[in-house]
Amino acid sequence: MTLDFDTRDEFRPGHYAFLVSDAAFARIRAQGVRYYADPRRTTTGEINHLHGGRGVYFDDPSGHLMEIITHPYGDWPQQG
């Protein structure tokens, strides 16, 4: 799968979330991508366990905030 973004000089950064398997997170770690447990990027190198799964946020080279999660969002986030 690929994502293609517009190549204009000016753009408004966005947030994109994907439901993925654990293999996606393993690839991010293997490539040395800096990741965070929260969208404000205050928890470097940590994952979250919201909604009974695992999730991380990371920046793509264009400045978009990417999020990968291993479990769909539920009614209310649960920490664990």
N, C-alpha and C. Protein backbone atom coordinates (compact mmCIF):
# COMPACT_ATOMS: atom_id res chain seq x y z
N MET A 1 0.84 -1.16 0.00
CA MET A 1 0.00 0.00 0.00
C MET A 1 0.89 1.24 0.00
N THR A 2 0.48 2.25 -0.73
CA THR A 2 1.18 3.53 -0.72
C THR A 2 0.17 4.65 -0.53
N LEU A 3 0.65 5.76 -0.02
CA LEU A 3 -0.14 6.98 0.06
C LEU A 3 0.54 8.01 -0.81
N ASP A 4 -0.22 8.64 -1.66
CA ASP A 4 0.33 9.67 -2.53
C ASP A 4 -0.24 11.01 -2.10
N PHE A 5 0.62 11.97 -1.84
CA PHE A 5 0.22 13.29 -1.42
C PHE A 5 0.46 14.29 -2.53
N ASP A 6 -0.29 15.35 -2.51
CA ASP A 6 -0.11 16.45 -3.45
C ASP A 6 1.29 17.03 -3.27
N THR A 7 1.92 17.45 -4.33
CA THR A 7 3.29 17.95 -4.25
C THR A 7 3.37 19.48 -4.24
N ARG A 8 2.28 20.17 -3.95
CA ARG A 8 2.32 21.63 -3.85
C ARG A 8 3.27 22.05 -2.74
N ASP A 9 3.80 23.24 -2.86
CA ASP A 9 4.73 23.76 -1.85
C ASP A 9 4.05 24.00 -0.52
N GLU A 10 2.81 24.44 -0.53
CA GLU A 10 2.09 24.72 0.70
C GLU A 10 1.01 23.66 0.92
N PHE A 11 0.94 23.19 2.12
CA PHE A 11 -0.09 22.22 2.45
C PHE A 11 -0.43 22.35 3.92
N ARG A 12 -1.56 21.84 4.28
CA ARG A 12 -1.98 21.83 5.67
C ARG A 12 -1.74 20.42 6.21
N PRO A 13 -0.84 20.28 7.18
CA PRO A 13 -0.57 18.94 7.71
C PRO A 13 -1.84 18.30 8.25
N GLY A 14 -1.94 17.00 8.10
CA GLY A 14 -3.10 16.26 8.55
C GLY A 14 -2.72 15.12 9.48
N HIS A 15 -3.73 14.48 10.01
CA HIS A 15 -3.56 13.31 10.88
C HIS A 15 -4.22 12.14 10.18
N TYR A 16 -3.48 11.07 10.02
CA TYR A 16 -3.97 9.88 9.33
C TYR A 16 -3.77 8.68 10.24
N ALA A 17 -4.82 7.90 10.45
CA ALA A 17 -4.74 6.73 11.33
C ALA A 17 -5.05 5.47 10.53
N PHE A 18 -4.32 4.39 10.85
CA PHE A 18 -4.48 3.13 10.14
C PHE A 18 -4.57 1.98 11.13
N LEU A 19 -5.49 1.08 10.91
CA LEU A 19 -5.61 -0.15 11.67
C LEU A 19 -4.69 -1.17 11.01
N VAL A 20 -3.68 -1.63 11.75
CA VAL A 20 -2.63 -2.48 11.17
C VAL A 20 -2.31 -3.66 12.10
N SER A 21 -1.46 -4.54 11.63
CA SER A 21 -0.97 -5.64 12.46
C SER A 21 0.28 -5.19 13.20
N ASP A 22 0.76 -6.01 14.10
CA ASP A 22 1.98 -5.72 14.84
C ASP A 22 3.20 -5.60 13.91
N ALA A 23 3.13 -6.20 12.74
CA ALA A 23 4.26 -6.15 11.81
C ALA A 23 4.56 -4.72 11.37
N ALA A 24 3.56 -3.87 11.27
CA ALA A 24 3.79 -2.48 10.86
C ALA A 24 4.63 -1.75 11.90
N PHE A 25 4.34 -1.96 13.17
CA PHE A 25 5.12 -1.32 14.23
C PHE A 25 6.55 -1.86 14.22
N ALA A 26 6.71 -3.15 13.97
CA ALA A 26 8.05 -3.74 13.90
C ALA A 26 8.87 -3.08 12.79
N ARG A 27 8.24 -2.75 11.68
CA ARG A 27 8.95 -2.10 10.57
C ARG A 27 9.38 -0.69 10.94
N ILE A 28 8.52 0.02 11.65
CA ILE A 28 8.86 1.37 12.09
C ILE A 28 10.06 1.34 13.03
N ARG A 29 10.03 0.43 13.97
CA ARG A 29 11.16 0.30 14.90
C ARG A 29 12.43 -0.08 14.17
N ALA A 30 12.34 -1.05 13.25
CA ALA A 30 13.51 -1.53 12.52
C ALA A 30 14.15 -0.42 11.68
N GLN A 31 13.35 0.53 11.21
CA GLN A 31 13.86 1.62 10.38
C GLN A 31 14.31 2.82 11.21
N GLY A 32 14.19 2.71 12.53
CA GLY A 32 14.66 3.80 13.39
C GLY A 32 13.79 5.04 13.38
N VAL A 33 12.51 4.88 13.04
CA VAL A 33 11.59 6.02 13.02
C VAL A 33 11.25 6.41 14.46
N ARG A 34 11.32 7.69 14.77
CA ARG A 34 10.95 8.18 16.10
C ARG A 34 9.43 8.10 16.23
N TYR A 35 8.96 7.50 17.31
CA TYR A 35 7.52 7.35 17.51
C TYR A 35 7.16 7.76 18.93
N TYR A 36 5.86 7.97 19.12
CA TYR A 36 5.33 8.50 20.38
C TYR A 36 4.04 7.77 20.75
N ALA A 37 3.72 7.77 22.03
CA ALA A 37 2.47 7.17 22.49
C ALA A 37 1.30 8.14 22.39
N ASP A 38 1.59 9.42 22.15
CA ASP A 38 0.51 10.40 22.15
C ASP A 38 0.69 11.37 20.97
N PRO A 39 -0.42 11.99 20.53
CA PRO A 39 -0.33 12.88 19.37
C PRO A 39 0.41 14.19 19.64
N ARG A 40 0.63 14.53 20.87
CA ARG A 40 1.38 15.75 21.18
C ARG A 40 2.89 15.51 21.18
N ARG A 41 3.27 14.25 20.97
CA ARG A 41 4.67 13.85 20.86
C ARG A 41 5.47 14.10 22.14
N THR A 42 4.85 13.83 23.30
CA THR A 42 5.53 14.02 24.58
C THR A 42 6.10 12.73 25.16
N THR A 43 5.77 11.60 24.55
CA THR A 43 6.19 10.30 25.10
C THR A 43 7.01 9.55 24.07
N THR A 44 8.19 10.03 23.80
CA THR A 44 9.08 9.45 22.78
C THR A 44 9.44 8.00 23.12
N GLY A 45 9.34 7.14 22.11
CA GLY A 45 9.75 5.75 22.26
C GLY A 45 8.79 4.88 23.05
N GLU A 46 7.60 5.37 23.31
CA GLU A 46 6.59 4.59 24.04
C GLU A 46 5.40 4.30 23.14
N ILE A 47 4.62 3.28 23.50
CA ILE A 47 3.39 2.97 22.80
C ILE A 47 2.23 3.19 23.77
N ASN A 48 1.02 3.32 23.22
CA ASN A 48 -0.15 3.42 24.08
C ASN A 48 -0.95 2.11 23.98
N HIS A 49 -1.84 1.92 24.92
CA HIS A 49 -2.66 0.71 24.97
C HIS A 49 -4.14 1.07 25.00
N LEU A 50 -4.49 2.10 24.26
CA LEU A 50 -5.88 2.55 24.24
C LEU A 50 -6.78 1.54 23.56
N HIS A 51 -7.97 1.40 24.07
CA HIS A 51 -9.01 0.56 23.48
C HIS A 51 -8.60 -0.92 23.40
N GLY A 52 -7.67 -1.34 24.24
CA GLY A 52 -7.28 -2.74 24.27
C GLY A 52 -6.27 -3.14 23.21
N GLY A 53 -5.70 -2.20 22.52
CA GLY A 53 -4.70 -2.51 21.51
C GLY A 53 -3.40 -1.80 21.80
N ARG A 54 -2.60 -1.61 20.75
CA ARG A 54 -1.35 -0.89 20.84
C ARG A 54 -1.35 0.18 19.74
N GLY A 55 -0.80 1.32 20.06
CA GLY A 55 -0.77 2.38 19.06
C GLY A 55 0.42 3.29 19.21
N VAL A 56 0.84 3.85 18.10
CA VAL A 56 1.93 4.84 18.10
C VAL A 56 1.62 5.92 17.06
N TYR A 57 2.26 7.06 17.28
CA TYR A 57 2.19 8.19 16.35
C TYR A 57 3.60 8.45 15.85
N PHE A 58 3.69 8.90 14.60
CA PHE A 58 4.98 9.28 14.05
C PHE A 58 4.75 10.28 12.93
N ASP A 59 5.77 11.06 12.63
CA ASP A 59 5.69 12.06 11.57
C ASP A 59 6.19 11.48 10.26
N ASP A 60 5.46 11.75 9.19
CA ASP A 60 5.98 11.36 7.89
C ASP A 60 6.90 12.48 7.41
N PRO A 61 7.69 12.27 6.36
CA PRO A 61 8.65 13.28 5.93
C PRO A 61 8.03 14.63 5.54
N SER A 62 6.74 14.63 5.20
CA SER A 62 6.08 15.87 4.80
C SER A 62 5.43 16.62 5.95
N GLY A 63 5.51 16.07 7.16
CA GLY A 63 4.95 16.75 8.32
C GLY A 63 3.58 16.28 8.75
N HIS A 64 3.04 15.28 8.09
CA HIS A 64 1.75 14.73 8.50
C HIS A 64 1.96 13.83 9.72
N LEU A 65 0.99 13.84 10.61
CA LEU A 65 1.04 12.97 11.78
C LEU A 65 0.35 11.65 11.44
N MET A 66 1.12 10.58 11.47
CA MET A 66 0.59 9.26 11.18
C MET A 66 0.33 8.53 12.50
N GLU A 67 -0.69 7.71 12.50
CA GLU A 67 -1.01 6.91 13.69
C GLU A 67 -1.31 5.50 13.22
N ILE A 68 -0.71 4.52 13.91
CA ILE A 68 -1.07 3.14 13.64
C ILE A 68 -1.60 2.53 14.93
N ILE A 69 -2.67 1.76 14.80
CA ILE A 69 -3.30 1.10 15.94
C ILE A 69 -3.55 -0.36 15.59
N THR A 70 -3.56 -1.21 16.60
CA THR A 70 -3.77 -2.65 16.36
C THR A 70 -5.16 -3.10 16.76
N HIS A 71 -5.97 -2.19 17.28
CA HIS A 71 -7.34 -2.52 17.69
C HIS A 71 -8.22 -1.32 17.37
N PRO A 72 -9.42 -1.54 16.83
CA PRO A 72 -10.28 -0.39 16.51
C PRO A 72 -10.62 0.43 17.76
N TYR A 73 -10.87 1.70 17.54
CA TYR A 73 -11.27 2.57 18.64
C TYR A 73 -12.60 2.08 19.21
N GLY A 74 -12.74 2.20 20.53
CA GLY A 74 -13.98 1.85 21.20
C GLY A 74 -14.73 3.10 21.62
N ASP A 75 -15.64 2.93 22.56
CA ASP A 75 -16.43 4.05 23.05
C ASP A 75 -15.62 5.03 23.87
N TRP A 76 -14.66 4.56 24.65
CA TRP A 76 -13.89 5.43 25.54
C TRP A 76 -12.50 4.85 25.73
N PRO A 77 -11.46 5.66 25.62
CA PRO A 77 -10.10 5.12 25.78
C PRO A 77 -9.86 4.52 27.16
N GLN A 78 -9.20 3.40 27.18
CA GLN A 78 -8.83 2.73 28.42
C GLN A 78 -7.32 2.64 28.49
N GLN A 79 -6.72 3.09 29.56
CA GLN A 79 -5.28 2.94 29.74
C GLN A 79 -4.99 1.59 30.36
N GLY A 80 -3.90 0.98 29.97
CA GLY A 80 -3.57 -0.31 30.56
C GLY A 80 -2.15 -0.71 30.35
